[in-house]
C-alpha atoms as a PDB file:
ATOM      1  CA  MET A   1       1.609  -9.875 -46.245  1.00  0.00           C
ATOM      2  CA  LYS A   2       0.767  -9.166 -42.596  1.00  0.00           C
ATOM      3  CA  LYS A   3       3.613  -6.614 -42.411  1.00  0.00           C
ATOM      4  CA  THR A   4       2.296  -4.877 -45.565  1.00  0.00           C
ATOM      5  CA  LEU A   5      -1.216  -4.687 -44.124  1.00  0.00           C
ATOM      6  CA  ARG A   6       0.198  -3.198 -40.887  1.00  0.00           C
ATOM      7  CA  ARG A   7       2.052  -0.519 -42.844  1.00  0.00           C
ATOM      8  CA  LEU A   8      -1.027   0.306 -44.908  1.00  0.00           C
ATOM      9  CA  ALA A   9      -3.040   0.603 -41.706  1.00  0.00           C
ATOM     10  CA  LEU A  10      -0.437   2.926 -40.205  1.00  0.00           C
ATOM     11  CA  VAL A  11      -0.427   5.150 -43.284  1.00  0.00           C
ATOM     12  CA  ALA A  12      -4.264   5.273 -43.305  1.00  0.00           C
ATOM     13  CA  SER A  13      -4.253   6.236 -39.598  1.00  0.00           C
ATOM     14  CA  CYS A  14      -1.859   9.054 -40.299  1.00  0.00           C
ATOM     15  CA  LEU A  15      -4.334  10.563 -42.748  1.00  0.00           C
ATOM     16  CA  LEU A  16      -7.180  10.740 -40.248  1.00  0.00           C
ATOM     17  CA  LEU A  17      -8.079  14.064 -38.584  1.00  0.00           C
ATOM     18  CA  VAL A  18      -9.153  13.933 -34.967  1.00  0.00           C
ATOM     19  CA  VAL A  19     -11.535  16.639 -33.719  1.00  0.00           C
ATOM     20  CA  VAL A  20     -10.939  17.635 -30.114  1.00  0.00           C
ATOM     21  CA  ALA A  21     -12.679  20.460 -28.239  1.00  0.00           C
ATOM     22  CA  GLY A  22     -13.781  22.314 -31.354  1.00  0.00           C
ATOM     23  CA  VAL A  23     -10.480  22.205 -33.175  1.00  0.00           C
ATOM     24  CA  THR A  24      -8.960  19.702 -35.586  1.00  0.00           C
ATOM     25  CA  LEU A  25      -5.728  17.906 -34.691  1.00  0.00           C
ATOM     26  CA  ALA A  26      -3.783  16.492 -37.543  1.00  0.00           C
ATOM     27  CA  ALA A  27      -2.287  13.087 -36.794  1.00  0.00           C
ATOM     28  CA  CYS A  28       1.213  11.582 -37.445  1.00  0.00           C
ATOM     29  CA  GLY A  29       3.916  14.127 -38.078  1.00  0.00           C
ATOM     30  CA  ASP A  30       1.753  17.231 -38.052  1.00  0.00           C
ATOM     31  CA  ASN A  31       1.829  18.821 -34.610  1.00  0.00           C
ATOM     32  CA  SER A  32      -0.356  21.731 -35.703  1.00  0.00           C
ATOM     33  CA  THR A  33      -3.888  22.446 -34.612  1.00  0.00           C
ATOM     34  CA  HIS A  34      -5.938  23.025 -37.753  1.00  0.00           C
ATOM     35  CA  VAL A  35      -8.767  25.592 -37.554  1.00  0.00           C
ATOM     36  CA  GLY A  36     -11.595  26.553 -39.897  1.00  0.00           C
ATOM     37  CA  THR A  37     -13.509  29.208 -37.897  1.00  0.00           C
ATOM     38  CA  PHE A  38     -12.609  32.262 -35.926  1.00  0.00           C
ATOM     39  CA  ALA A  39     -13.943  30.579 -32.803  1.00  0.00           C
ATOM     40  CA  GLU A  40     -11.690  27.593 -33.360  1.00  0.00           C
ATOM     41  CA  LEU A  41      -8.699  29.934 -33.843  1.00  0.00           C
ATOM     42  CA  LYS A  42      -9.446  31.749 -30.589  1.00  0.00           C
ATOM     43  CA  THR A  43      -9.751  28.402 -28.749  1.00  0.00           C
ATOM     44  CA  ALA A  44      -6.497  27.117 -30.208  1.00  0.00           C
ATOM     45  CA  VAL A  45      -4.541  30.282 -29.314  1.00  0.00           C
ATOM     46  CA  ALA A  46      -5.712  29.976 -25.735  1.00  0.00           C
ATOM     47  CA  LYS A  47      -3.931  26.613 -25.577  1.00  0.00           C
ATOM     48  CA  GLY A  48      -0.791  27.790 -27.392  1.00  0.00           C
ATOM     49  CA  GLY A  49       1.433  25.829 -29.736  1.00  0.00           C
ATOM     50  CA  GLU A  50       1.327  25.621 -33.571  1.00  0.00           C
ATOM     51  CA  ILE A  51      -1.905  26.492 -35.395  1.00  0.00           C
ATOM     52  CA  THR A  52      -2.706  26.258 -39.125  1.00  0.00           C
ATOM     53  CA  LEU A  53      -5.621  27.967 -40.869  1.00  0.00           C
ATOM     54  CA  ASP A  54      -7.487  25.679 -43.238  1.00  0.00           C
ATOM     55  CA  LYS A  55      -9.968  28.312 -44.518  1.00  0.00           C
ATOM     56  CA  ASP A  56     -10.303  32.043 -45.003  1.00  0.00           C
ATOM     57  CA  LEU A  57     -11.771  33.533 -41.858  1.00  0.00           C
ATOM     58  CA  THR A  58     -13.977  36.605 -41.476  1.00  0.00           C
ATOM     59  CA  PHE A  59     -15.158  37.952 -38.117  1.00  0.00           C
ATOM     60  CA  LYS A  60     -16.983  40.994 -36.737  1.00  0.00           C
ATOM     61  CA  ALA A  61     -16.515  41.849 -33.058  1.00  0.00           C
ATOM     62  CA  GLU A  62     -19.817  42.368 -31.359  1.00  0.00           C
ATOM     63  CA  LYS A  63     -18.639  42.800 -27.754  1.00  0.00           C
ATOM     64  CA  LYS A  64     -15.516  43.367 -25.652  1.00  0.00           C
ATOM     65  CA  GLY A  65     -13.522  40.105 -25.329  1.00  0.00           C
ATOM     66  CA  ASP A  66     -14.398  38.803 -28.742  1.00  0.00           C
ATOM     67  CA  LEU A  67     -10.878  39.062 -30.045  1.00  0.00           C
ATOM     68  CA  ILE A  68      -7.730  37.094 -29.115  1.00  0.00           C
ATOM     69  CA  VAL A  69      -5.333  37.341 -26.226  1.00  0.00           C
ATOM     70  CA  VAL A  70      -2.126  35.458 -26.587  1.00  0.00           C
ATOM     71  CA  ASN A  71      -0.678  34.383 -23.278  1.00  0.00           C
ATOM     72  CA  LYS A  72       1.055  31.174 -24.358  1.00  0.00           C
ATOM     73  CA  ASP A  73       3.746  30.865 -26.923  1.00  0.00           C
ATOM     74  CA  THR A  74       1.875  30.485 -30.253  1.00  0.00           C
ATOM     75  CA  THR A  75       2.796  30.142 -33.945  1.00  0.00           C
ATOM     76  CA  ILE A  76       0.077  30.779 -36.448  1.00  0.00           C
ATOM     77  CA  ASN A  77       0.654  29.384 -39.905  1.00  0.00           C
ATOM     78  CA  PHE A  78      -1.854  31.265 -42.124  1.00  0.00           C
ATOM     79  CA  ASN A  79      -1.307  28.668 -44.850  1.00  0.00           C
ATOM     80  CA  GLY A  80      -1.929  31.308 -47.527  1.00  0.00           C
ATOM     81  CA  LYS A  81      -5.407  32.049 -46.138  1.00  0.00           C
ATOM     82  CA  LYS A  82      -7.054  35.355 -45.267  1.00  0.00           C
ATOM     83  CA  LEU A  83      -8.165  36.683 -41.873  1.00  0.00           C
ATOM     84  CA  ASP A  84     -10.538  39.688 -41.999  1.00  0.00           C
ATOM     85  CA  VAL A  85     -11.649  41.261 -38.704  1.00  0.00           C
ATOM     86  CA  ASP A  86     -14.001  44.233 -38.189  1.00  0.00           C
ATOM     87  CA  SER A  87     -13.583  45.767 -34.768  1.00  0.00           C
ATOM     88  CA  THR A  88     -15.438  49.021 -35.476  1.00  0.00           C
ATOM     89  CA  ALA A  89     -17.795  48.664 -32.536  1.00  0.00           C
ATOM     90  CA  PHE A  90     -15.047  48.218 -29.869  1.00  0.00           C
ATOM     91  CA  GLU A  91     -11.693  48.923 -31.523  1.00  0.00           C
ATOM     92  CA  GLU A  92     -10.044  45.967 -29.825  1.00  0.00           C
ATOM     93  CA  ASP A  93      -7.055  44.501 -31.527  1.00  0.00           C
ATOM     94  CA  ILE A  94      -7.081  41.224 -33.435  1.00  0.00           C
ATOM     95  CA  PHE A  95      -4.235  39.815 -31.335  1.00  0.00           C
ATOM     96  CA  THR A  96      -3.102  41.190 -27.915  1.00  0.00           C
ATOM     97  CA  VAL A  97       0.153  39.601 -26.888  1.00  0.00           C
ATOM     98  CA  ASP A  98       0.480  39.377 -23.057  1.00  0.00           C
ATOM     99  CA  GLY A  99       3.526  37.557 -21.571  1.00  0.00           C
ATOM    100  CA  ALA A 100       4.199  35.204 -24.558  1.00  0.00           C
ATOM    101  CA  THR A 101       5.622  35.023 -28.088  1.00  0.00           C
ATOM    102  CA  LEU A 102       3.308  35.221 -31.097  1.00  0.00           C
ATOM    103  CA  THR A 103       4.939  34.163 -34.369  1.00  0.00           C
ATOM    104  CA  LEU A 104       3.085  34.863 -37.604  1.00  0.00           C
ATOM    105  CA  THR A 105       4.029  32.879 -40.742  1.00  0.00           C
ATOM    106  CA  GLY A 106       2.527  31.101 -43.761  1.00  0.00           C
ATOM    107  CA  ASN A 107       2.066  34.049 -46.169  1.00  0.00           C
ATOM    108  CA  GLY A 108      -1.497  34.932 -45.085  1.00  0.00           C
ATOM    109  CA  THR A 109      -3.341  38.176 -45.606  1.00  0.00           C
ATOM    110  CA  VAL A 110      -4.617  39.783 -42.426  1.00  0.00           C
ATOM    111  CA  THR A 111      -6.944  42.781 -42.530  1.00  0.00           C
ATOM    112  CA  GLY A 112      -8.237  44.748 -39.578  1.00  0.00           C
ATOM    113  CA  LYS A 113     -10.756  47.489 -39.520  1.00  0.00           C
ATOM    114  CA  ASP A 114     -10.563  49.989 -36.694  1.00  0.00           C
ATOM    115  CA  CYS A 115      -7.948  47.970 -34.846  1.00  0.00           C
ATOM    116  CA  PHE A 116      -4.313  47.008 -34.730  1.00  0.00           C
ATOM    117  CA  VAL A 117      -3.446  43.641 -36.169  1.00  0.00           C
ATOM    118  CA  VAL A 118      -1.224  43.058 -33.124  1.00  0.00           C
ATOM    119  CA  ALA A 119      -0.803  44.928 -29.825  1.00  0.00           C
ATOM    120  CA  VAL A 120       2.087  43.770 -27.676  1.00  0.00           C
ATOM    121  CA  ASN A 121       1.679  44.493 -23.916  1.00  0.00           C
ATOM    122  CA  LYS A 122       4.249  45.568 -21.437  1.00  0.00           C
ATOM    123  CA  THR A 123       4.113  42.283 -19.603  1.00  0.00           C
ATOM    124  CA  ALA A 124       7.492  40.510 -19.368  1.00  0.00           C
ATOM    125  CA  ASN A 125       8.325  38.250 -22.334  1.00  0.00           C
ATOM    126  CA  SER A 126       5.672  39.768 -24.615  1.00  0.00           C
ATOM    127  CA  GLN A 127       6.802  39.825 -28.272  1.00  0.00           C
ATOM    128  CA  VAL A 128       5.572  39.293 -31.745  1.00  0.00           C
ATOM    129  CA  VAL A 129       7.691  37.844 -34.555  1.00  0.00           C
ATOM    130  CA  VAL A 130       6.468  38.380 -38.122  1.00  0.00           C
ATOM    131  CA  LYS A 131       8.051  36.090 -40.695  1.00  0.00           C
ATOM    132  CA  ASP A 132       6.007  36.907 -43.841  1.00  0.00           C
ATOM    133  CA  GLY A 133       2.495  37.715 -45.006  1.00  0.00           C
ATOM    134  CA  THR A 134       0.470  40.763 -45.831  1.00  0.00           C
ATOM    135  CA  TYR A 135      -0.954  42.956 -43.017  1.00  0.00           C
ATOM    136  CA  LYS A 136      -3.228  45.934 -43.538  1.00  0.00           C
ATOM    137  CA  VAL A 137      -5.480  48.056 -41.412  1.00  0.00           C
ATOM    138  CA  LEU A 138      -8.409  50.167 -42.560  1.00  0.00           C
ATOM    139  CA  GLU A 139      -9.275  53.553 -40.978  1.00  0.00           C
ATOM    140  CA  THR A 140      -6.440  52.962 -38.482  1.00  0.00           C
ATOM    141  CA  ALA A 141      -2.947  54.413 -38.034  1.00  0.00           C
ATOM    142  CA  THR A 142      -1.022  51.362 -36.901  1.00  0.00           C
ATOM    143  CA  VAL A 143      -0.603  47.736 -38.003  1.00  0.00           C
ATOM    144  CA  ILE A 144       1.553  46.588 -35.076  1.00  0.00           C
ATOM    145  CA  HIS A 145       1.808  48.602 -31.842  1.00  0.00           C
ATOM    146  CA  THR A 146       3.811  47.978 -28.692  1.00  0.00           C
ATOM    147  CA  PHE A 147       2.841  49.073 -25.201  1.00  0.00           C
ATOM    148  CA  GLY A 148       6.247  47.846 -23.979  1.00  0.00           C
ATOM    149  CA  GLY A 149       6.962  44.417 -25.470  1.00  0.00           C
ATOM    150  CA  LYS A 150       9.137  43.567 -28.432  1.00  0.00           C
ATOM    151  CA  ILE A 151       8.275  43.700 -32.171  1.00  0.00           C
ATOM    152  CA  ALA A 152      10.475  41.723 -34.521  1.00  0.00           C
ATOM    153  CA  ILE A 153       9.668  41.934 -38.205  1.00  0.00           C
ATOM    154  CA  GLU A 154      11.606  39.604 -40.552  1.00  0.00           C
ATOM    155  CA  GLY A 155       9.320  39.914 -43.574  1.00  0.00           C
ATOM    156  CA  GLY A 156       5.829  40.734 -44.799  1.00  0.00           C
ATOM    157  CA  LYS A 157       4.037  43.660 -46.331  1.00  0.00           C
ATOM    158  CA  PHE A 158       2.400  46.404 -44.259  1.00  0.00           C
ATOM    159  CA  SER A 159      -0.039  49.229 -45.133  1.00  0.00           C
ATOM    160  CA  ASN A 160      -2.971  51.228 -43.786  1.00  0.00           C
ATOM    161  CA  THR A 161      -5.723  53.595 -44.746  1.00  0.00           C
ATOM    162  CA  GLN A 162      -6.391  56.406 -42.314  1.00  0.00           C
ATOM    163  CA  GLU A 163      -9.595  57.639 -40.697  1.00  0.00           C
ATOM    164  CA  VAL A 164     -11.645  60.246 -42.620  1.00  0.00           C
ATOM    165  CA  GLY A 165     -10.522  63.691 -41.518  1.00  0.00           C
ATOM    166  CA  LYS A 166      -7.155  62.578 -40.268  1.00  0.00           C
ATOM    167  CA  THR A 167      -3.810  63.572 -41.724  1.00  0.00           C
ATOM    168  CA  TYR A 168      -1.236  61.211 -40.202  1.00  0.00           C
ATOM    169  CA  GLY A 169      -1.027  58.970 -43.283  1.00  0.00           C
ATOM    170  CA  SER A 170       1.355  56.059 -42.512  1.00  0.00           C
ATOM    171  CA  LYS A 171       3.465  57.879 -39.952  1.00  0.00           C
ATOM    172  CA  TYR A 172       2.624  55.414 -37.220  1.00  0.00           C
ATOM    173  CA  LEU A 173       2.439  52.281 -39.327  1.00  0.00           C
ATOM    174  CA  ILE A 174       4.687  50.441 -36.810  1.00  0.00           C
ATOM    175  CA  ASN A 175       4.646  52.243 -33.453  1.00  0.00           C
ATOM    176  CA  LYS A 176       5.395  52.461 -29.790  1.00  0.00           C
ATOM    177  CA  GLN A 177       3.221  53.860 -27.032  1.00  0.00           C
ATOM    178  CA  ASP A 178       4.538  57.324 -26.015  1.00  0.00           C
ATOM    179  CA  ASP A 179       5.549  56.325 -22.514  1.00  0.00           C
ATOM    180  CA  VAL A 180       7.767  53.422 -23.663  1.00  0.00           C
ATOM    181  CA  LYS A 181       9.547  55.061 -26.579  1.00  0.00           C
ATOM    182  CA  GLY A 182      12.841  54.844 -24.709  1.00  0.00           C
ATOM    183  CA  THR A 183      12.489  51.197 -23.632  1.00  0.00           C
ATOM    184  CA  ALA A 184      10.298  49.154 -25.962  1.00  0.00           C
ATOM    185  CA  GLU A 185      12.184  47.374 -28.762  1.00  0.00           C
ATOM    186  CA  ILE A 186      11.266  47.333 -32.431  1.00  0.00           C
ATOM    187  CA  VAL A 187      13.654  45.490 -34.749  1.00  0.00           C
ATOM    188  CA  ILE A 188      12.959  45.324 -38.490  1.00  0.00           C
ATOM    189  CA  THR A 189      15.188  43.180 -40.659  1.00  0.00           C
ATOM    190  CA  GLY A 190      12.839  42.502 -43.597  1.00  0.00           C
ATOM    191  CA  GLY A 191       9.537  43.453 -45.097  1.00  0.00           C
ATOM    192  CA  GLU A 192       7.863  46.061 -47.298  1.00  0.00           C
ATOM    193  CA  PHE A 193       6.178  49.128 -45.812  1.00  0.00           C
ATOM    194  CA  THR A 194       3.819  51.432 -47.743  1.00  0.00           C
ATOM    195  CA  GLY A 195       4.367  55.113 -46.895  1.00  0.00           C
ATOM    196  CA  PHE A 196       6.692  54.304 -44.063  1.00  0.00           C
ATOM    197  CA  ASN A 197      10.465  54.135 -44.029  1.00  0.00           C
ATOM    198  CA  PRO A 198      11.511  51.897 -41.071  1.00  0.00           C
ATOM    199  CA  ALA A 199      14.985  53.397 -41.115  1.00  0.00           C
ATOM    200  CA  GLN A 200      14.025  57.104 -41.289  1.00  0.00           C
ATOM    201  CA  ASN A 201      10.633  58.044 -39.895  1.00  0.00           C
ATOM    202  CA  SER A 202       9.037  60.253 -37.235  1.00  0.00           C
ATOM    203  CA  ALA A 203       6.978  57.681 -35.335  1.00  0.00           C
ATOM    204  CA  ASP A 204       9.001  58.178 -32.149  1.00  0.00           C
ATOM    205  CA  GLY A 205      10.337  61.662 -32.966  1.00  0.00           C
ATOM    206  CA  THR A 206      12.725  62.941 -35.603  1.00  0.00           C
ATOM    207  CA  ALA A 207      14.947  60.363 -37.312  1.00  0.00           C
ATOM    208  CA  THR A 208      13.373  57.269 -35.810  1.00  0.00           C
ATOM    209  CA  ASN A 209      15.176  54.152 -36.972  1.00  0.00           C
ATOM    210  CA  TYR A 210      13.960  50.598 -36.366  1.00  0.00           C
ATOM    211  CA  VAL A 211      16.488  48.913 -38.737  1.00  0.00           C
ATOM    212  CA  PRO A 212      19.776  47.511 -37.289  1.00  0.00           C
ATOM    213  CA  ALA A 213      23.182  48.451 -38.705  1.00  0.00           C
ATOM    214  CA  THR A 214      23.394  45.209 -40.622  1.00  0.00           C
ATOM    215  CA  HIS A 215      20.392  46.146 -42.777  1.00  0.00           C
ATOM    216  CA  LYS A 216      19.015  49.101 -44.718  1.00  0.00           C
ATOM    217  CA  ALA A 217      15.734  50.322 -46.130  1.00  0.00           C
ATOM    218  CA  VAL A 218      15.522  50.985 -49.888  1.00  0.00           C
ATOM    219  CA  GLU A 219      12.710  52.350 -51.926  1.00  0.00           C
ATOM    220  CA  THR A 220      11.302  49.727 -54.262  1.00  0.00           C
ATOM    221  CA  ALA A 221      11.074  52.305 -57.074  1.00  0.00           C
ATOM    222  CA  GLU A 222      11.907  55.959 -57.170  1.00  0.00           C
ATOM    223  CA  GLY A 223       8.904  57.922 -55.847  1.00  0.00           C
ATOM    224  CA  SER A 224       6.951  54.827 -54.908  1.00  0.00           C
ATOM    225  CA  ASN A 225       7.127  55.505 -51.147  1.00  0.00           C
ATOM    226  CA  ILE A 226       7.229  51.738 -50.567  1.00  0.00           C
ATOM    227  CA  TRP A 227      10.237  50.815 -48.496  1.00  0.00           C
ATOM    228  CA  LYS A 228      11.846  47.366 -48.434  1.00  0.00           C
ATOM    229  CA  VAL A 229      14.279  46.319 -45.676  1.00  0.00           C
ATOM    230  CA  VAL A 230      17.244  44.168 -46.900  1.00  0.00           C
ATOM    231  CA  LYS A 231      20.705  43.143 -45.769  1.00  0.00           C
ATOM    232  CA  LYS A 232      23.552  45.496 -46.574  1.00  0.00           C
END
């Protein structure tokens, strides 16, 4: 009987959530930090590790520094939730990766207005890995941009709407800064891209190809201009 009670107590303790420094830590077997506000997300990213969204998040940047710098290896599990960020006032990016790896997973939907979803700095070891999810930017050319670090896209859906009066369409949907076009690495092995063919585009000049030889980009339907990257 005593052993049974101990087991029940252990199970009960595993169901408890412990709140530490403004974020929720799940106990027993879940190493992820659970967040329910944008402030909690920013705090958790500053510490690195695995993070899980428990709620849809909406945030409007009011001043420089409001958005998120990733300088420790971090995995964000969107857990099917939404993240909507309006950066109209400052045009800072939702995530700026600086000397670390940011991994995005969990089939979330991330929308940025007047900003990139991710900017990857030139700092050594800076990279973003996208596993899945939906990523779109409003009144902006680029969803993910590199200033020198690596972009690895394994899945997900990517789209944009352009600024009024501009004519670039989705030409720069995934893009490199001009001065690192010969050195920054973009590798796309999965995903769907609206208005942008990862294997044949002009983002870095004529016949830009971000798809390795083991994969190919195919149009999802004739004339759809939605391109899916698959294995050959």
